[in-house]
Amino acid sequence: MVQHDHELDLRLFRVWMKAYQALFTNIQKDIERYDIGFENFQILELLYSKGPQPVQKISDILSIPSGSMTYVVNKLEKQELVKRQCAPSDKRVFHVRLTEKGKQLFDDIFP
């Protein structure tokens, strides 16, 4: 049986936490520099990594109330960072996708 070294685990955890904090701090500075806000950045990141998503799914994944989602998506759309489109299979459902400008902004913030 392998004996577990809890002290080593704790040191490794601390190293990971420091790395995470340093990365998160740098990302926050970049987000502030581009003046988009962390919530907006989370939406851009989700769309960048997962592709177009229904508004409701974005709301569920990021725990953003549906009433706030409309406001946030409208704001991102006015900035030409995202585009809202009707789903081909159900015209009541709207998908949000990144525009080229949105992709470029995400690449600038998180190369």
PDB file of N, CA and C in Angstrom:
ATOM      1  N   MET A   1       0.843  -1.180   0.000  1.00  0.00           N
ATOM      2  CA  MET A   1       0.000   0.000   0.000  1.00  0.00           C
ATOM      3  C   MET A   1       0.890   1.246   0.000  1.00  0.00           C
ATOM      4  N   VAL A   2       0.534   2.216  -0.782  1.00  0.00           N
ATOM      5  CA  VAL A   2       1.307   3.445  -0.893  1.00  0.00           C
ATOM      6  C   VAL A   2       0.906   4.390   0.232  1.00  0.00           C
ATOM      7  N   GLN A   3       1.925   4.866   0.938  1.00  0.00           N
ATOM      8  CA  GLN A   3       1.644   5.827   2.013  1.00  0.00           C
ATOM      9  C   GLN A   3       1.499   7.207   1.389  1.00  0.00           C
ATOM     10  N   HIS A   4       0.492   7.916   1.790  1.00  0.00           N
ATOM     11  CA  HIS A   4       0.209   9.238   1.236  1.00  0.00           C
ATOM     12  C   HIS A   4       0.952  10.302   2.032  1.00  0.00           C
ATOM     13  N   ASP A   5       1.613  11.183   1.329  1.00  0.00           N
ATOM     14  CA  ASP A   5       2.345  12.270   1.983  1.00  0.00           C
ATOM     15  C   ASP A   5       1.453  13.515   1.979  1.00  0.00           C
ATOM     16  N   HIS A   6       0.729  13.729   3.060  1.00  0.00           N
ATOM     17  CA  HIS A   6      -0.212  14.844   3.142  1.00  0.00           C
ATOM     18  C   HIS A   6       0.499  16.191   3.123  1.00  0.00           C
ATOM     19  N   GLU A   7       1.697  16.245   3.647  1.00  0.00           N
ATOM     20  CA  GLU A   7       2.453  17.495   3.636  1.00  0.00           C
ATOM     21  C   GLU A   7       2.812  17.877   2.200  1.00  0.00           C
ATOM     22  N   LEU A   8       3.198  16.898   1.409  1.00  0.00           N
ATOM     23  CA  LEU A   8       3.497  17.149   0.000  1.00  0.00           C
ATOM     24  C   LEU A   8       2.238  17.599  -0.739  1.00  0.00           C
ATOM     25  N   ASP A   9       1.111  16.958  -0.441  1.00  0.00           N
ATOM     26  CA  ASP A   9      -0.161  17.356  -1.045  1.00  0.00           C
ATOM     27  C   ASP A   9      -0.487  18.809  -0.728  1.00  0.00           C
ATOM     28  N   LEU A  10      -0.280  19.196   0.505  1.00  0.00           N
ATOM     29  CA  LEU A  10      -0.577  20.559   0.930  1.00  0.00           C
ATOM     30  C   LEU A  10       0.338  21.557   0.228  1.00  0.00           C
ATOM     31  N   ARG A  11       1.617  21.222   0.108  1.00  0.00           N
ATOM     32  CA  ARG A  11       2.553  22.119  -0.591  1.00  0.00           C
ATOM     33  C   ARG A  11       2.162  22.256  -2.056  1.00  0.00           C
ATOM     34  N   LEU A  12       1.817  21.148  -2.687  1.00  0.00           N
ATOM     35  CA  LEU A  12       1.395  21.182  -4.082  1.00  0.00           C
ATOM     36  C   LEU A  12       0.132  22.027  -4.243  1.00  0.00           C
ATOM     37  N   PHE A  13      -0.802  21.859  -3.327  1.00  0.00           N
ATOM     38  CA  PHE A  13      -2.028  22.655  -3.359  1.00  0.00           C
ATOM     39  C   PHE A  13      -1.708  24.148  -3.261  1.00  0.00           C
ATOM     40  N   ARG A  14      -0.799  24.516  -2.374  1.00  0.00           N
ATOM     41  CA  ARG A  14      -0.415  25.931  -2.220  1.00  0.00           C
ATOM     42  C   ARG A  14       0.215  26.474  -3.495  1.00  0.00           C
ATOM     43  N   VAL A  15       1.080  25.680  -4.128  1.00  0.00           N
ATOM     44  CA  VAL A  15       1.713  26.111  -5.381  1.00  0.00           C
ATOM     45  C   VAL A  15       0.649  26.336  -6.453  1.00  0.00           C
ATOM     46  N   TRP A  16      -0.292  25.397  -6.574  1.00  0.00           N
ATOM     47  CA  TRP A  16      -1.370  25.542  -7.548  1.00  0.00           C
ATOM     48  C   TRP A  16      -2.220  26.780  -7.263  1.00  0.00           C
ATOM     49  N   MET A  17      -2.522  27.024  -6.006  1.00  0.00           N
ATOM     50  CA  MET A  17      -3.332  28.193  -5.642  1.00  0.00           C
ATOM     51  C   MET A  17      -2.610  29.492  -5.972  1.00  0.00           C
ATOM     52  N   LYS A  18      -1.311  29.554  -5.704  1.00  0.00           N
ATOM     53  CA  LYS A  18      -0.544  30.758  -6.037  1.00  0.00           C
ATOM     54  C   LYS A  18      -0.513  30.980  -7.546  1.00  0.00           C
ATOM     55  N   ALA A  19      -0.340  29.913  -8.305  1.00  0.00           N
ATOM     56  CA  ALA A  19      -0.338  30.021  -9.766  1.00  0.00           C
ATOM     57  C   ALA A  19      -1.702  30.491 -10.263  1.00  0.00           C
ATOM     58  N   TYR A  20      -2.765  29.923  -9.704  1.00  0.00           N
ATOM     59  CA  TYR A  20      -4.119  30.318 -10.081  1.00  0.00           C
ATOM     60  C   TYR A  20      -4.357  31.797  -9.767  1.00  0.00           C
ATOM     61  N   GLN A  21      -3.960  32.224  -8.579  1.00  0.00           N
ATOM     62  CA  GLN A  21      -4.165  33.622  -8.181  1.00  0.00           C
ATOM     63  C   GLN A  21      -3.394  34.568  -9.093  1.00  0.00           C
ATOM     64  N   ALA A  22      -2.168  34.205  -9.455  1.00  0.00           N
ATOM     65  CA  ALA A  22      -1.372  35.050 -10.345  1.00  0.00           C
ATOM     66  C   ALA A  22      -2.026  35.138 -11.715  1.00  0.00           C
ATOM     67  N   LEU A  23      -2.470  34.018 -12.246  1.00  0.00           N
ATOM     68  CA  LEU A  23      -3.134  34.004 -13.548  1.00  0.00           C
ATOM     69  C   LEU A  23      -4.432  34.797 -13.499  1.00  0.00           C
ATOM     70  N   PHE A  24      -5.244  34.568 -12.467  1.00  0.00           N
ATOM     71  CA  PHE A  24      -6.522  35.258 -12.337  1.00  0.00           C
ATOM     72  C   PHE A  24      -6.319  36.767 -12.208  1.00  0.00           C
ATOM     73  N   THR A  25      -5.317  37.186 -11.444  1.00  0.00           N
ATOM     74  CA  THR A  25      -5.016  38.612 -11.280  1.00  0.00           C
ATOM     75  C   THR A  25      -4.643  39.236 -12.616  1.00  0.00           C
ATOM     76  N   ASN A  26      -3.822  38.549 -13.400  1.00  0.00           N
ATOM     77  CA  ASN A  26      -3.429  39.075 -14.711  1.00  0.00           C
ATOM     78  C   ASN A  26      -4.612  39.156 -15.659  1.00  0.00           C
ATOM     79  N   ILE A  27      -5.465  38.143 -15.638  1.00  0.00           N
ATOM     80  CA  ILE A  27      -6.651  38.164 -16.495  1.00  0.00           C
ATOM     81  C   ILE A  27      -7.575  39.306 -16.087  1.00  0.00           C
ATOM     82  N   GLN A  28      -7.760  39.506 -14.784  1.00  0.00           N
ATOM     83  CA  GLN A  28      -8.612  40.607 -14.313  1.00  0.00           C
ATOM     84  C   GLN A  28      -8.074  41.956 -14.782  1.00  0.00           C
ATOM     85  N   LYS A  29      -6.761  42.140 -14.731  1.00  0.00           N
ATOM     86  CA  LYS A  29      -6.164  43.401 -15.191  1.00  0.00           C
ATOM     87  C   LYS A  29      -6.438  43.614 -16.673  1.00  0.00           C
ATOM     88  N   ASP A  30      -6.291  42.552 -17.468  1.00  0.00           N
ATOM     89  CA  ASP A  30      -6.571  42.672 -18.899  1.00  0.00           C
ATOM     90  C   ASP A  30      -8.043  42.968 -19.152  1.00  0.00           C
ATOM     91  N   ILE A  31      -8.916  42.307 -18.405  1.00  0.00           N
ATOM     92  CA  ILE A  31     -10.352  42.545 -18.563  1.00  0.00           C
ATOM     93  C   ILE A  31     -10.678  43.998 -18.234  1.00  0.00           C
ATOM     94  N   GLU A  32     -10.116  44.511 -17.148  1.00  0.00           N
ATOM     95  CA  GLU A  32     -10.346  45.907 -16.766  1.00  0.00           C
ATOM     96  C   GLU A  32      -9.809  46.858 -17.824  1.00  0.00           C
ATOM     97  N   ARG A  33      -8.669  46.511 -18.408  1.00  0.00           N
ATOM     98  CA  ARG A  33      -8.070  47.374 -19.433  1.00  0.00           C
ATOM     99  C   ARG A  33      -8.984  47.499 -20.651  1.00  0.00           C
ATOM    100  N   TYR A  34      -9.687  46.418 -20.979  1.00  0.00           N
ATOM    101  CA  TYR A  34     -10.598  46.442 -22.125  1.00  0.00           C
ATOM    102  C   TYR A  34     -12.014  46.851 -21.729  1.00  0.00           C
ATOM    103  N   ASP A  35     -12.230  47.084 -20.446  1.00  0.00           N
ATOM    104  CA  ASP A  35     -13.491  47.607 -19.925  1.00  0.00           C
ATOM    105  C   ASP A  35     -14.714  46.788 -20.362  1.00  0.00           C
ATOM    106  N   ILE A  36     -14.628  45.459 -20.183  1.00  0.00           N
ATOM    107  CA  ILE A  36     -15.794  44.646 -20.543  1.00  0.00           C
ATOM    108  C   ILE A  36     -16.446  43.973 -19.343  1.00  0.00           C
ATOM    109  N   GLY A  37     -15.778  43.895 -18.225  1.00  0.00           N
ATOM    110  CA  GLY A  37     -16.344  43.269 -17.033  1.00  0.00           C
ATOM    111  C   GLY A  37     -16.170  41.759 -17.048  1.00  0.00           C
ATOM    112  N   PHE A  38     -16.071  41.191 -15.862  1.00  0.00           N
ATOM    113  CA  PHE A  38     -15.789  39.762 -15.738  1.00  0.00           C
ATOM    114  C   PHE A  38     -16.936  38.902 -16.260  1.00  0.00           C
ATOM    115  N   GLU A  39     -18.174  39.304 -15.992  1.00  0.00           N
ATOM    116  CA  GLU A  39     -19.334  38.535 -16.465  1.00  0.00           C
ATOM    117  C   GLU A  39     -19.345  38.464 -17.988  1.00  0.00           C
ATOM    118  N   ASN A  40     -19.066  39.596 -18.634  1.00  0.00           N
ATOM    119  CA  ASN A  40     -19.013  39.626 -20.094  1.00  0.00           C
ATOM    120  C   ASN A  40     -17.876  38.755 -20.613  1.00  0.00           C
ATOM    121  N   PHE A  41     -16.734  38.802 -19.924  1.00  0.00           N
ATOM    122  CA  PHE A  41     -15.600  37.969 -20.314  1.00  0.00           C
ATOM    123  C   PHE A  41     -15.967  36.492 -20.217  1.00  0.00           C
ATOM    124  N   GLN A  42     -16.702  36.111 -19.175  1.00  0.00           N
ATOM    125  CA  GLN A  42     -17.114  34.710 -19.028  1.00  0.00           C
ATOM    126  C   GLN A  42     -17.976  34.266 -20.213  1.00  0.00           C
ATOM    127  N   ILE A  43     -18.854  35.141 -20.661  1.00  0.00           N
ATOM    128  CA  ILE A  43     -19.701  34.817 -21.810  1.00  0.00           C
ATOM    129  C   ILE A  43     -18.847  34.671 -23.058  1.00  0.00           C
ATOM    130  N   LEU A  44     -17.920  35.610 -23.271  1.00  0.00           N
ATOM    131  CA  LEU A  44     -17.036  35.519 -24.431  1.00  0.00           C
ATOM    132  C   LEU A  44     -16.230  34.222 -24.395  1.00  0.00           C
ATOM    133  N   GLU A  45     -15.735  33.873 -23.218  1.00  0.00           N
ATOM    134  CA  GLU A  45     -14.929  32.651 -23.082  1.00  0.00           C
ATOM    135  C   GLU A  45     -15.763  31.417 -23.390  1.00  0.00           C
ATOM    136  N   LEU A  46     -16.982  31.377 -22.890  1.00  0.00           N
ATOM    137  CA  LEU A  46     -17.866  30.241 -23.146  1.00  0.00           C
ATOM    138  C   LEU A  46     -18.129  30.097 -24.646  1.00  0.00           C
ATOM    139  N   LEU A  47     -18.457  31.200 -25.302  1.00  0.00           N
ATOM    140  CA  LEU A  47     -18.741  31.160 -26.736  1.00  0.00           C
ATOM    141  C   LEU A  47     -17.488  30.827 -27.538  1.00  0.00           C
ATOM    142  N   TYR A  48     -16.349  31.319 -27.085  1.00  0.00           N
ATOM    143  CA  TYR A  48     -15.081  31.052 -27.765  1.00  0.00           C
ATOM    144  C   TYR A  48     -14.750  29.562 -27.699  1.00  0.00           C
ATOM    145  N   SER A  49     -14.941  28.966 -26.544  1.00  0.00           N
ATOM    146  CA  SER A  49     -14.545  27.566 -26.365  1.00  0.00           C
ATOM    147  C   SER A  49     -15.619  26.574 -26.808  1.00  0.00           C
ATOM    148  N   LYS A  50     -16.893  26.936 -26.697  1.00  0.00           N
ATOM    149  CA  LYS A  50     -17.982  25.990 -26.994  1.00  0.00           C
ATOM    150  C   LYS A  50     -18.747  26.303 -28.274  1.00  0.00           C
ATOM    151  N   GLY A  51     -18.503  27.475 -28.867  1.00  0.00           N
ATOM    152  CA  GLY A  51     -19.248  27.853 -30.058  1.00  0.00           C
ATOM    153  C   GLY A  51     -20.591  28.465 -29.691  1.00  0.00           C
ATOM    154  N   PRO A  52     -21.427  28.730 -30.711  1.00  0.00           N
ATOM    155  CA  PRO A  52     -22.732  29.351 -30.454  1.00  0.00           C
ATOM    156  C   PRO A  52     -23.548  28.549 -29.441  1.00  0.00           C
ATOM    157  N   GLN A  53     -24.237  29.285 -28.561  1.00  0.00           N
ATOM    158  CA  GLN A  53     -25.013  28.655 -27.487  1.00  0.00           C
ATOM    159  C   GLN A  53     -26.370  29.342 -27.362  1.00  0.00           C
ATOM    160  N   PRO A  54     -27.400  28.568 -26.979  1.00  0.00           N
ATOM    161  CA  PRO A  54     -28.685  29.205 -26.679  1.00  0.00           C
ATOM    162  C   PRO A  54     -28.541  30.140 -25.474  1.00  0.00           C
ATOM    163  N   VAL A  55     -29.268  31.234 -25.496  1.00  0.00           N
ATOM    164  CA  VAL A  55     -29.207  32.208 -24.406  1.00  0.00           C
ATOM    165  C   VAL A  55     -29.478  31.523 -23.065  1.00  0.00           C
ATOM    166  N   GLN A  56     -30.481  30.659 -23.020  1.00  0.00           N
ATOM    167  CA  GLN A  56     -30.841  29.990 -21.766  1.00  0.00           C
ATOM    168  C   GLN A  56     -29.707  29.102 -21.255  1.00  0.00           C
ATOM    169  N   LYS A  57     -28.996  28.448 -22.154  1.00  0.00           N
ATOM    170  CA  LYS A  57     -27.886  27.584 -21.733  1.00  0.00           C
ATOM    171  C   LYS A  57     -26.750  28.421 -21.143  1.00  0.00           C
ATOM    172  N   ILE A  58     -26.462  29.566 -21.754  1.00  0.00           N
ATOM    173  CA  ILE A  58     -25.436  30.470 -21.210  1.00  0.00           C
ATOM    174  C   ILE A  58     -25.842  30.897 -19.808  1.00  0.00           C
ATOM    175  N   SER A  59     -27.098  31.274 -19.670  1.00  0.00           N
ATOM    176  CA  SER A  59     -27.637  31.688 -18.376  1.00  0.00           C
ATOM    177  C   SER A  59     -27.471  30.583 -17.335  1.00  0.00           C
ATOM    178  N   ASP A  60     -27.794  29.357 -17.721  1.00  0.00           N
ATOM    179  CA  ASP A  60     -27.693  28.219 -16.796  1.00  0.00           C
ATOM    180  C   ASP A  60     -26.242  27.912 -16.432  1.00  0.00           C
ATOM    181  N   ILE A  61     -25.371  27.861 -17.419  1.00  0.00           N
ATOM    182  CA  ILE A  61     -23.966  27.504 -17.180  1.00  0.00           C
ATOM    183  C   ILE A  61     -23.277  28.526 -16.289  1.00  0.00           C
ATOM    184  N   LEU A  62     -23.520  29.808 -16.551  1.00  0.00           N
ATOM    185  CA  LEU A  62     -22.820  30.868 -15.820  1.00  0.00           C
ATOM    186  C   LEU A  62     -23.609  31.401 -14.627  1.00  0.00           C
ATOM    187  N   SER A  63     -24.777  30.817 -14.373  1.00  0.00           N
ATOM    188  CA  SER A  63     -25.633  31.241 -13.252  1.00  0.00           C
ATOM    189  C   SER A  63     -25.955  32.733 -13.311  1.00  0.00           C
ATOM    190  N   ILE A  64     -26.321  33.171 -14.511  1.00  0.00           N
ATOM    191  CA  ILE A  64     -26.742  34.557 -14.713  1.00  0.00           C
ATOM    192  C   ILE A  64     -28.262  34.535 -14.851  1.00  0.00           C
ATOM    193  N   PRO A  65     -28.982  35.305 -14.037  1.00  0.00           N
ATOM    194  CA  PRO A  65     -30.448  35.322 -14.151  1.00  0.00           C
ATOM    195  C   PRO A  65     -30.888  35.677 -15.572  1.00  0.00           C
ATOM    196  N   SER A  66     -31.962  35.055 -16.032  1.00  0.00           N
ATOM    197  CA  SER A  66     -32.404  35.255 -17.415  1.00  0.00           C
ATOM    198  C   SER A  66     -32.711  36.719 -17.723  1.00  0.00           C
ATOM    199  N   GLY A  67     -33.238  37.461 -16.759  1.00  0.00           N
ATOM    200  CA  GLY A  67     -33.492  38.885 -16.974  1.00  0.00           C
ATOM    201  C   GLY A  67     -32.212  39.663 -17.212  1.00  0.00           C
ATOM    202  N   SER A  68     -31.167  39.301 -16.518  1.00  0.00           N
ATOM    203  CA  SER A  68     -29.868  39.950 -16.706  1.00  0.00           C
ATOM    204  C   SER A  68     -29.235  39.547 -18.027  1.00  0.00           C
ATOM    205  N   MET A  69     -29.490  38.315 -18.471  1.00  0.00           N
ATOM    206  CA  MET A  69     -28.898  37.830 -19.720  1.00  0.00           C
ATOM    207  C   MET A  69     -29.304  38.704 -20.893  1.00  0.00           C
ATOM    208  N   THR A  70     -30.569  39.089 -20.935  1.00  0.00           N
ATOM    209  CA  THR A  70     -31.042  39.936 -22.028  1.00  0.00           C
ATOM    210  C   THR A  70     -30.252  41.232 -22.061  1.00  0.00           C
ATOM    211  N   TYR A  71     -30.082  41.853 -20.913  1.00  0.00           N
ATOM    212  CA  TYR A  71     -29.329  43.102 -20.814  1.00  0.00           C
ATOM    213  C   TYR A  71     -27.879  42.896 -21.251  1.00  0.00           C
ATOM    214  N   VAL A  72     -27.245  41.839 -20.748  1.00  0.00           N
ATOM    215  CA  VAL A  72     -25.833  41.584 -21.038  1.00  0.00           C
ATOM    216  C   VAL A  72     -25.635  41.293 -22.525  1.00  0.00           C
ATOM    217  N   VAL A  73     -26.481  40.442 -23.091  1.00  0.00           N
ATOM    218  CA  VAL A  73     -26.351  40.108 -24.513  1.00  0.00           C
ATOM    219  C   VAL A  73     -26.611  41.343 -25.372  1.00  0.00           C
ATOM    220  N   ASN A  74     -27.606  42.151 -25.011  1.00  0.00           N
ATOM    221  CA  ASN A  74     -27.856  43.397 -25.751  1.00  0.00           C
ATOM    222  C   ASN A  74     -26.626  44.295 -25.741  1.00  0.00           C
ATOM    223  N   LYS A  75     -26.004  44.413 -24.581  1.00  0.00           N
ATOM    224  CA  LYS A  75     -24.813  45.258 -24.448  1.00  0.00           C
ATOM    225  C   LYS A  75     -23.659  44.718 -25.304  1.00  0.00           C
ATOM    226  N   LEU A  76     -23.439  43.418 -25.244  1.00  0.00           N
ATOM    227  CA  LEU A  76     -22.374  42.806 -26.050  1.00  0.00           C
ATOM    228  C   LEU A  76     -22.672  42.925 -27.544  1.00  0.00           C
ATOM    229  N   GLU A  77     -23.947  42.851 -27.887  1.00  0.00           N
ATOM    230  CA  GLU A  77     -24.341  42.985 -29.292  1.00  0.00           C
ATOM    231  C   GLU A  77     -24.112  44.420 -29.782  1.00  0.00           C
ATOM    232  N   LYS A  78     -24.418  45.408 -28.949  1.00  0.00           N
ATOM    233  CA  LYS A  78     -24.171  46.810 -29.318  1.00  0.00           C
ATOM    234  C   LYS A  78     -22.684  47.082 -29.517  1.00  0.00           C
ATOM    235  N   GLN A  79     -21.849  46.358 -28.759  1.00  0.00           N
ATOM    236  CA  GLN A  79     -20.399  46.496 -28.904  1.00  0.00           C
ATOM    237  C   GLN A  79     -19.871  45.668 -30.077  1.00  0.00           C
ATOM    238  N   GLU A  80     -20.781  44.981 -30.765  1.00  0.00           N
ATOM    239  CA  GLU A  80     -20.464  44.126 -31.912  1.00  0.00           C
ATOM    240  C   GLU A  80     -19.524  42.978 -31.550  1.00  0.00           C
ATOM    241  N   LEU A  81     -19.641  42.482 -30.304  1.00  0.00           N
ATOM    242  CA  LEU A  81     -18.814  41.367 -29.852  1.00  0.00           C
ATOM    243  C   LEU A  81     -19.532  40.031 -30.032  1.00  0.00           C
ATOM    244  N   VAL A  82     -20.863  40.065 -30.022  1.00  0.00           N
ATOM    245  CA  VAL A  82     -21.662  38.860 -30.241  1.00  0.00           C
ATOM    246  C   VAL A  82     -22.795  39.184 -31.202  1.00  0.00           C
ATOM    247  N   LYS A  83     -23.382  38.129 -31.743  1.00  0.00           N
ATOM    248  CA  LYS A  83     -24.545  38.254 -32.614  1.00  0.00           C
ATOM    249  C   LYS A  83     -25.571  37.235 -32.145  1.00  0.00           C
ATOM    250  N   ARG A  84     -26.816  37.669 -32.068  1.00  0.00           N
ATOM    251  CA  ARG A  84     -27.923  36.796 -31.657  1.00  0.00           C
ATOM    252  C   ARG A  84     -28.658  36.349 -32.926  1.00  0.00           C
ATOM    253  N   GLN A  85     -28.962  35.037 -32.998  1.00  0.00           N
ATOM    254  CA  GLN A  85     -29.667  34.500 -34.163  1.00  0.00           C
ATOM    255  C   GLN A  85     -30.723  33.502 -33.713  1.00  0.00           C
ATOM    256  N   CYS A  86     -31.809  33.422 -34.478  1.00  0.00           N
ATOM    257  CA  CYS A  86     -32.838  32.411 -34.209  1.00  0.00           C
ATOM    258  C   CYS A  86     -32.263  31.035 -34.510  1.00  0.00           C
ATOM    259  N   ALA A  87     -32.618  30.080 -33.683  1.00  0.00           N
ATOM    260  CA  ALA A  87     -32.207  28.691 -33.934  1.00  0.00           C
ATOM    261  C   ALA A  87     -32.970  28.178 -35.146  1.00  0.00           C
ATOM    262  N   PRO A  88     -32.296  27.498 -36.062  1.00  0.00           N
ATOM    263  CA  PRO A  88     -32.989  27.005 -37.259  1.00  0.00           C
ATOM    264  C   PRO A  88     -34.124  26.030 -36.932  1.00  0.00           C
ATOM    265  N   SER A  89     -33.960  25.254 -35.874  1.00  0.00           N
ATOM    266  CA  SER A  89     -34.960  24.235 -35.541  1.00  0.00           C
ATOM    267  C   SER A  89     -36.136  24.770 -34.725  1.00  0.00           C
ATOM    268  N   ASP A  90     -35.944  25.916 -34.069  1.00  0.00           N
ATOM    269  CA  ASP A  90     -36.998  26.469 -33.212  1.00  0.00           C
ATOM    270  C   ASP A  90     -36.843  27.985 -33.169  1.00  0.00           C
ATOM    271  N   LYS A  91     -37.707  28.676 -33.853  1.00  0.00           N
ATOM    272  CA  LYS A  91     -37.597  30.139 -33.978  1.00  0.00           C
ATOM    273  C   LYS A  91     -37.810  30.873 -32.659  1.00  0.00           C
ATOM    274  N   ARG A  92     -38.263  30.162 -31.627  1.00  0.00           N
ATOM    275  CA  ARG A  92     -38.439  30.797 -30.318  1.00  0.00           C
ATOM    276  C   ARG A  92     -37.128  30.850 -29.532  1.00  0.00           C
ATOM    277  N   VAL A  93     -36.150  30.066 -29.970  1.00  0.00           N
ATOM    278  CA  VAL A  93     -34.865  29.963 -29.268  1.00  0.00           C
ATOM    279  C   VAL A  93     -33.825  30.801 -29.996  1.00  0.00           C
ATOM    280  N   PHE A  94     -33.088  31.595 -29.222  1.00  0.00           N
ATOM    281  CA  PHE A  94     -32.024  32.412 -29.794  1.00  0.00           C
ATOM    282  C   PHE A  94     -30.669  31.866 -29.382  1.00  0.00           C
ATOM    283  N   HIS A  95     -29.780  31.761 -30.358  1.00  0.00           N
ATOM    284  CA  HIS A  95     -28.394  31.385 -30.104  1.00  0.00           C
ATOM    285  C   HIS A  95     -27.543  32.644 -30.148  1.00  0.00           C
ATOM    286  N   VAL A  96     -26.488  32.645 -29.361  1.00  0.00           N
ATOM    287  CA  VAL A  96     -25.539  33.757 -29.351  1.00  0.00           C
ATOM    288  C   VAL A  96     -24.215  33.202 -29.853  1.00  0.00           C
ATOM    289  N   ARG A  97     -23.586  33.933 -30.751  1.00  0.00           N
ATOM    290  CA  ARG A  97     -22.281  33.528 -31.258  1.00  0.00           C
ATOM    291  C   ARG A  97     -21.327  34.713 -31.207  1.00  0.00           C
ATOM    292  N   LEU A  98     -20.049  34.409 -31.156  1.00  0.00           N
ATOM    293  CA  LEU A  98     -19.032  35.460 -31.189  1.00  0.00           C
ATOM    294  C   LEU A  98     -18.905  36.008 -32.596  1.00  0.00           C
ATOM    295  N   THR A  99     -18.696  37.296 -32.699  1.00  0.00           N
ATOM    296  CA  THR A  99     -18.351  37.901 -33.981  1.00  0.00           C
ATOM    297  C   THR A  99     -16.830  37.853 -34.118  1.00  0.00           C
ATOM    298  N   GLU A 100     -16.328  38.232 -35.273  1.00  0.00           N
ATOM    299  CA  GLU A 100     -14.870  38.302 -35.453  1.00  0.00           C
ATOM    300  C   GLU A 100     -14.263  39.295 -34.464  1.00  0.00           C
ATOM    301  N   LYS A 101     -14.970  40.405 -34.240  1.00  0.00           N
ATOM    302  CA  LYS A 101     -14.492  41.399 -33.270  1.00  0.00           C
ATOM    303  C   LYS A 101     -14.439  40.796 -31.863  1.00  0.00           C
ATOM    304  N   GLY A 102     -15.427  39.986 -31.516  1.00  0.00           N
ATOM    305  CA  GLY A 102     -15.448  39.318 -30.214  1.00  0.00           C
ATOM    306  C   GLY A 102     -14.317  38.322 -30.073  1.00  0.00           C
ATOM    307  N   LYS A 103     -14.050  37.555 -31.140  1.00  0.00           N
ATOM    308  CA  LYS A 103     -12.934  36.600 -31.123  1.00  0.00           C
ATOM    309  C   LYS A 103     -11.609  37.330 -30.952  1.00  0.00           C
ATOM    310  N   GLN A 104     -11.465  38.437 -31.673  1.00  0.00           N
ATOM    311  CA  GLN A 104     -10.221  39.201 -31.585  1.00  0.00           C
ATOM    312  C   GLN A 104     -10.026  39.769 -30.184  1.00  0.00           C
ATOM    313  N   LEU A 105     -11.087  40.284 -29.592  1.00  0.00           N
ATOM    314  CA  LEU A 105     -10.993  40.813 -28.233  1.00  0.00           C
ATOM    315  C   LEU A 105     -10.598  39.711 -27.259  1.00  0.00           C
ATOM    316  N   PHE A 106     -11.220  38.545 -27.386  1.00  0.00           N
ATOM    317  CA  PHE A 106     -10.868  37.434 -26.499  1.00  0.00           C
ATOM    318  C   PHE A 106      -9.406  37.046 -26.687  1.00  0.00           C
ATOM    319  N   ASP A 107      -8.949  36.981 -27.929  1.00  0.00           N
ATOM    320  CA  ASP A 107      -7.541  36.650 -28.196  1.00  0.00           C
ATOM    321  C   ASP A 107      -6.603  37.703 -27.621  1.00  0.00           C
ATOM    322  N   ASP A 108      -7.019  38.963 -27.646  1.00  0.00           N
ATOM    323  CA  ASP A 108      -6.193  40.038 -27.076  1.00  0.00           C
ATOM    324  C   ASP A 108      -6.091  39.903 -25.556  1.00  0.00           C
ATOM    325  N   ILE A 109      -7.208  39.563 -24.922  1.00  0.00           N
ATOM    326  CA  ILE A 109      -7.229  39.444 -23.463  1.00  0.00           C
ATOM    327  C   ILE A 109      -6.547  38.163 -23.009  1.00  0.00           C
ATOM    328  N   PHE A 110      -6.807  37.086 -23.718  1.00  0.00           N
ATOM    329  CA  PHE A 110      -6.355  35.761 -23.288  1.00  0.00           C
ATOM    330  C   PHE A 110      -5.663  35.057 -24.451  1.00  0.00           C
ATOM    331  N   PRO A 111      -4.436  35.503 -24.767  1.00  0.00           N
ATOM    332  CA  PRO A 111      -3.744  34.939 -25.950  1.00  0.00           C
ATOM    333  C   PRO A 111      -3.379  33.474 -25.789  1.00  0.00           C
TER     334      PRO A 111
END
